[in-house]
Amino acid sequence: MEVIEGCDFAMMPFEGGENAMRGSFQYTDLFNRLRKIREQIDAETQSWIEKGVKLHSQNDRVAANLSMQFDQCLQYFSTNPNGVTITLEMEKDNPFVWTMVRHFFLPY
């Protein structure tokens, strides 16, 4: 079912009186709000990447703990727990940025 921007919500059989979802479809507004949320998430992610480089170079306690946790995860996943194969890498020696790839092997 295709819905046009600005169309009112259809009343459902279980709705009535005070129990109703009134409004209209505002896809453009929703898209803009979601885009702003994505921009904020990306900005915060970038700030952590930049902080991670700085804190790692200063031998910060949080950076050191994350490095240790990375090593523990690397050791754990190297054993293929429960048959799971994962490639884990720390990007540019930044303990705040990890890349994890899960490998799926399909049975023949």
C-alpha atoms as a PDB file:
ATOM      1  CA  MET A   1       0.000   0.000   0.000  1.00  0.00           C
ATOM      2  CA  GLU A   2       1.506   3.305  -1.056  1.00  0.00           C
ATOM      3  CA  VAL A   3       0.898   6.339   1.147  1.00  0.00           C
ATOM      4  CA  ILE A   4       1.220   9.914  -0.040  1.00  0.00           C
ATOM      5  CA  GLU A   5       2.961  12.645   1.980  1.00  0.00           C
ATOM      6  CA  GLY A   6       0.447  14.489   4.146  1.00  0.00           C
ATOM      7  CA  CYS A   7      -2.276  11.822   3.999  1.00  0.00           C
ATOM      8  CA  ASP A   8      -4.068  11.206   7.286  1.00  0.00           C
ATOM      9  CA  PHE A   9      -3.515   7.956   9.155  1.00  0.00           C
ATOM     10  CA  ALA A  10      -6.302   5.451   8.485  1.00  0.00           C
ATOM     11  CA  MET A  11      -8.476   4.575  11.450  1.00  0.00           C
ATOM     12  CA  MET A  12      -7.981   0.929  12.412  1.00  0.00           C
ATOM     13  CA  PRO A  13     -10.823  -1.339  13.570  1.00  0.00           C
ATOM     14  CA  PHE A  14      -9.415  -1.501  17.118  1.00  0.00           C
ATOM     15  CA  GLU A  15      -9.224   2.314  17.419  1.00  0.00           C
ATOM     16  CA  GLY A  16     -11.982   4.524  18.663  1.00  0.00           C
ATOM     17  CA  GLY A  17     -12.656   7.500  20.903  1.00  0.00           C
ATOM     18  CA  GLU A  18      -9.537   8.353  22.910  1.00  0.00           C
ATOM     19  CA  ASN A  19      -7.788   5.209  21.685  1.00  0.00           C
ATOM     20  CA  ALA A  20      -6.769   6.471  18.258  1.00  0.00           C
ATOM     21  CA  MET A  21      -3.580   7.380  16.434  1.00  0.00           C
ATOM     22  CA  ARG A  22      -4.387  10.672  14.765  1.00  0.00           C
ATOM     23  CA  GLY A  23      -1.982  12.408  12.448  1.00  0.00           C
ATOM     24  CA  SER A  24      -0.621  12.337   8.950  1.00  0.00           C
ATOM     25  CA  PHE A  25       2.331  10.884   7.118  1.00  0.00           C
ATOM     26  CA  GLN A  26       5.213  13.370   7.156  1.00  0.00           C
ATOM     27  CA  TYR A  27       7.997  11.482   5.403  1.00  0.00           C
ATOM     28  CA  THR A  28      10.033  14.564   4.473  1.00  0.00           C
ATOM     29  CA  ASP A  29      10.084  15.771   8.075  1.00  0.00           C
ATOM     30  CA  LEU A  30      10.929  12.279   9.315  1.00  0.00           C
ATOM     31  CA  PHE A  31      13.758  11.951   6.806  1.00  0.00           C
ATOM     32  CA  ASN A  32      15.202  15.318   7.861  1.00  0.00           C
ATOM     33  CA  ARG A  33      15.028  14.371  11.545  1.00  0.00           C
ATOM     34  CA  LEU A  34      16.722  11.016  10.877  1.00  0.00           C
ATOM     35  CA  ARG A  35      19.428  12.730   8.806  1.00  0.00           C
ATOM     36  CA  LYS A  36      20.169  15.120  11.709  1.00  0.00           C
ATOM     37  CA  ILE A  37      20.398  12.198  14.120  1.00  0.00           C
ATOM     38  CA  ARG A  38      22.814  10.424  11.749  1.00  0.00           C
ATOM     39  CA  GLU A  39      24.939  13.575  11.484  1.00  0.00           C
ATOM     40  CA  GLN A  40      25.147  13.798  15.289  1.00  0.00           C
ATOM     41  CA  ILE A  41      26.139  10.136  15.590  1.00  0.00           C
ATOM     42  CA  ASP A  42      28.801  10.578  12.900  1.00  0.00           C
ATOM     43  CA  ALA A  43      30.162  13.717  14.616  1.00  0.00           C
ATOM     44  CA  GLU A  44      30.352  11.968  17.985  1.00  0.00           C
ATOM     45  CA  THR A  45      32.031   8.951  16.403  1.00  0.00           C
ATOM     46  CA  GLN A  46      34.604  11.209  14.758  1.00  0.00           C
ATOM     47  CA  SER A  47      35.292  12.974  18.061  1.00  0.00           C
ATOM     48  CA  TRP A  48      35.990   9.604  19.729  1.00  0.00           C
ATOM     49  CA  ILE A  49      38.373   8.686  16.919  1.00  0.00           C
ATOM     50  CA  GLU A  50      40.263  11.950  17.409  1.00  0.00           C
ATOM     51  CA  LYS A  51      40.250  11.627  21.210  1.00  0.00           C
ATOM     52  CA  GLY A  52      41.453   8.042  20.924  1.00  0.00           C
ATOM     53  CA  VAL A  53      44.558   9.029  18.980  1.00  0.00           C
ATOM     54  CA  LYS A  54      45.358  11.765  21.499  1.00  0.00           C
ATOM     55  CA  LEU A  55      44.694   9.646  24.598  1.00  0.00           C
ATOM     56  CA  HIS A  56      46.643   6.678  23.229  1.00  0.00           C
ATOM     57  CA  SER A  57      49.691   8.884  22.628  1.00  0.00           C
ATOM     58  CA  GLN A  58      49.403  10.161  26.231  1.00  0.00           C
ATOM     59  CA  ASN A  59      49.219   6.601  27.628  1.00  0.00           C
ATOM     60  CA  ASP A  60      45.813   7.442  29.095  1.00  0.00           C
ATOM     61  CA  ARG A  61      44.259   4.889  31.470  1.00  0.00           C
ATOM     62  CA  VAL A  62      41.070   4.485  29.398  1.00  0.00           C
ATOM     63  CA  ALA A  63      43.077   4.024  26.202  1.00  0.00           C
ATOM     64  CA  ALA A  64      45.309   1.477  27.948  1.00  0.00           C
ATOM     65  CA  ASN A  65      42.263  -0.429  29.251  1.00  0.00           C
ATOM     66  CA  LEU A  66      40.697  -0.491  25.786  1.00  0.00           C
ATOM     67  CA  SER A  67      43.972  -1.752  24.304  1.00  0.00           C
ATOM     68  CA  MET A  68      44.041  -4.527  26.876  1.00  0.00           C
ATOM     69  CA  GLN A  69      40.412  -5.417  26.177  1.00  0.00           C
ATOM     70  CA  PHE A  70      41.184  -5.483  22.462  1.00  0.00           C
ATOM     71  CA  ASP A  71      44.011  -7.956  23.096  1.00  0.00           C
ATOM     72  CA  GLN A  72      41.696 -10.111  25.231  1.00  0.00           C
ATOM     73  CA  CYS A  73      39.036 -10.117  22.495  1.00  0.00           C
ATOM     74  CA  LEU A  74      41.630 -10.918  19.858  1.00  0.00           C
ATOM     75  CA  GLN A  75      42.845 -13.862  21.942  1.00  0.00           C
ATOM     76  CA  TYR A  76      39.301 -15.079  22.609  1.00  0.00           C
ATOM     77  CA  PHE A  77      38.121 -14.911  19.002  1.00  0.00           C
ATOM     78  CA  SER A  78      41.299 -16.551  17.733  1.00  0.00           C
ATOM     79  CA  THR A  79      39.964 -19.790  19.259  1.00  0.00           C
ATOM     80  CA  ASN A  80      36.832 -19.674  17.051  1.00  0.00           C
ATOM     81  CA  PRO A  81      34.386 -19.934  19.980  1.00  0.00           C
ATOM     82  CA  ASN A  82      31.281 -21.923  19.068  1.00  0.00           C
ATOM     83  CA  GLY A  83      32.564 -22.124  15.511  1.00  0.00           C
ATOM     84  CA  VAL A  84      32.489 -18.340  15.073  1.00  0.00           C
ATOM     85  CA  THR A  85      35.297 -16.896  12.980  1.00  0.00           C
ATOM     86  CA  ILE A  86      35.962 -13.177  13.441  1.00  0.00           C
ATOM     87  CA  THR A  87      38.661 -10.894  12.130  1.00  0.00           C
ATOM     88  CA  LEU A  88      39.372  -8.145  14.638  1.00  0.00           C
ATOM     89  CA  GLU A  89      41.657  -5.189  13.951  1.00  0.00           C
ATOM     90  CA  MET A  90      42.499  -1.966  15.732  1.00  0.00           C
ATOM     91  CA  GLU A  91      42.496   0.865  13.197  1.00  0.00           C
ATOM     92  CA  LYS A  92      45.754   2.836  13.099  1.00  0.00           C
ATOM     93  CA  ASP A  93      46.655   1.698  16.635  1.00  0.00           C
ATOM     94  CA  ASN A  94      43.645   3.622  17.954  1.00  0.00           C
ATOM     95  CA  PRO A  95      42.110   1.650  20.861  1.00  0.00           C
ATOM     96  CA  PHE A  96      38.833   3.544  20.391  1.00  0.00           C
ATOM     97  CA  VAL A  97      38.323   2.260  16.830  1.00  0.00           C
ATOM     98  CA  TRP A  98      37.998  -1.434  16.139  1.00  0.00           C
ATOM     99  CA  THR A  99      36.980  -3.177  12.963  1.00  0.00           C
ATOM    100  CA  MET A 100      35.238  -6.489  13.448  1.00  0.00           C
ATOM    101  CA  VAL A 101      34.231  -8.769  10.584  1.00  0.00           C
ATOM    102  CA  ARG A 102      32.315 -11.976  11.153  1.00  0.00           C
ATOM    103  CA  HIS A 103      32.970 -14.643   8.569  1.00  0.00           C
ATOM    104  CA  PHE A 104      30.181 -16.968   7.543  1.00  0.00           C
ATOM    105  CA  PHE A 105      30.975 -20.296   6.026  1.00  0.00           C
ATOM    106  CA  LEU A 106      28.162 -21.931   4.151  1.00  0.00           C
ATOM    107  CA  PRO A 107      27.901 -25.716   4.266  1.00  0.00           C
ATOM    108  CA  TYR A 108      28.162 -27.503   0.956  1.00  0.00           C
END
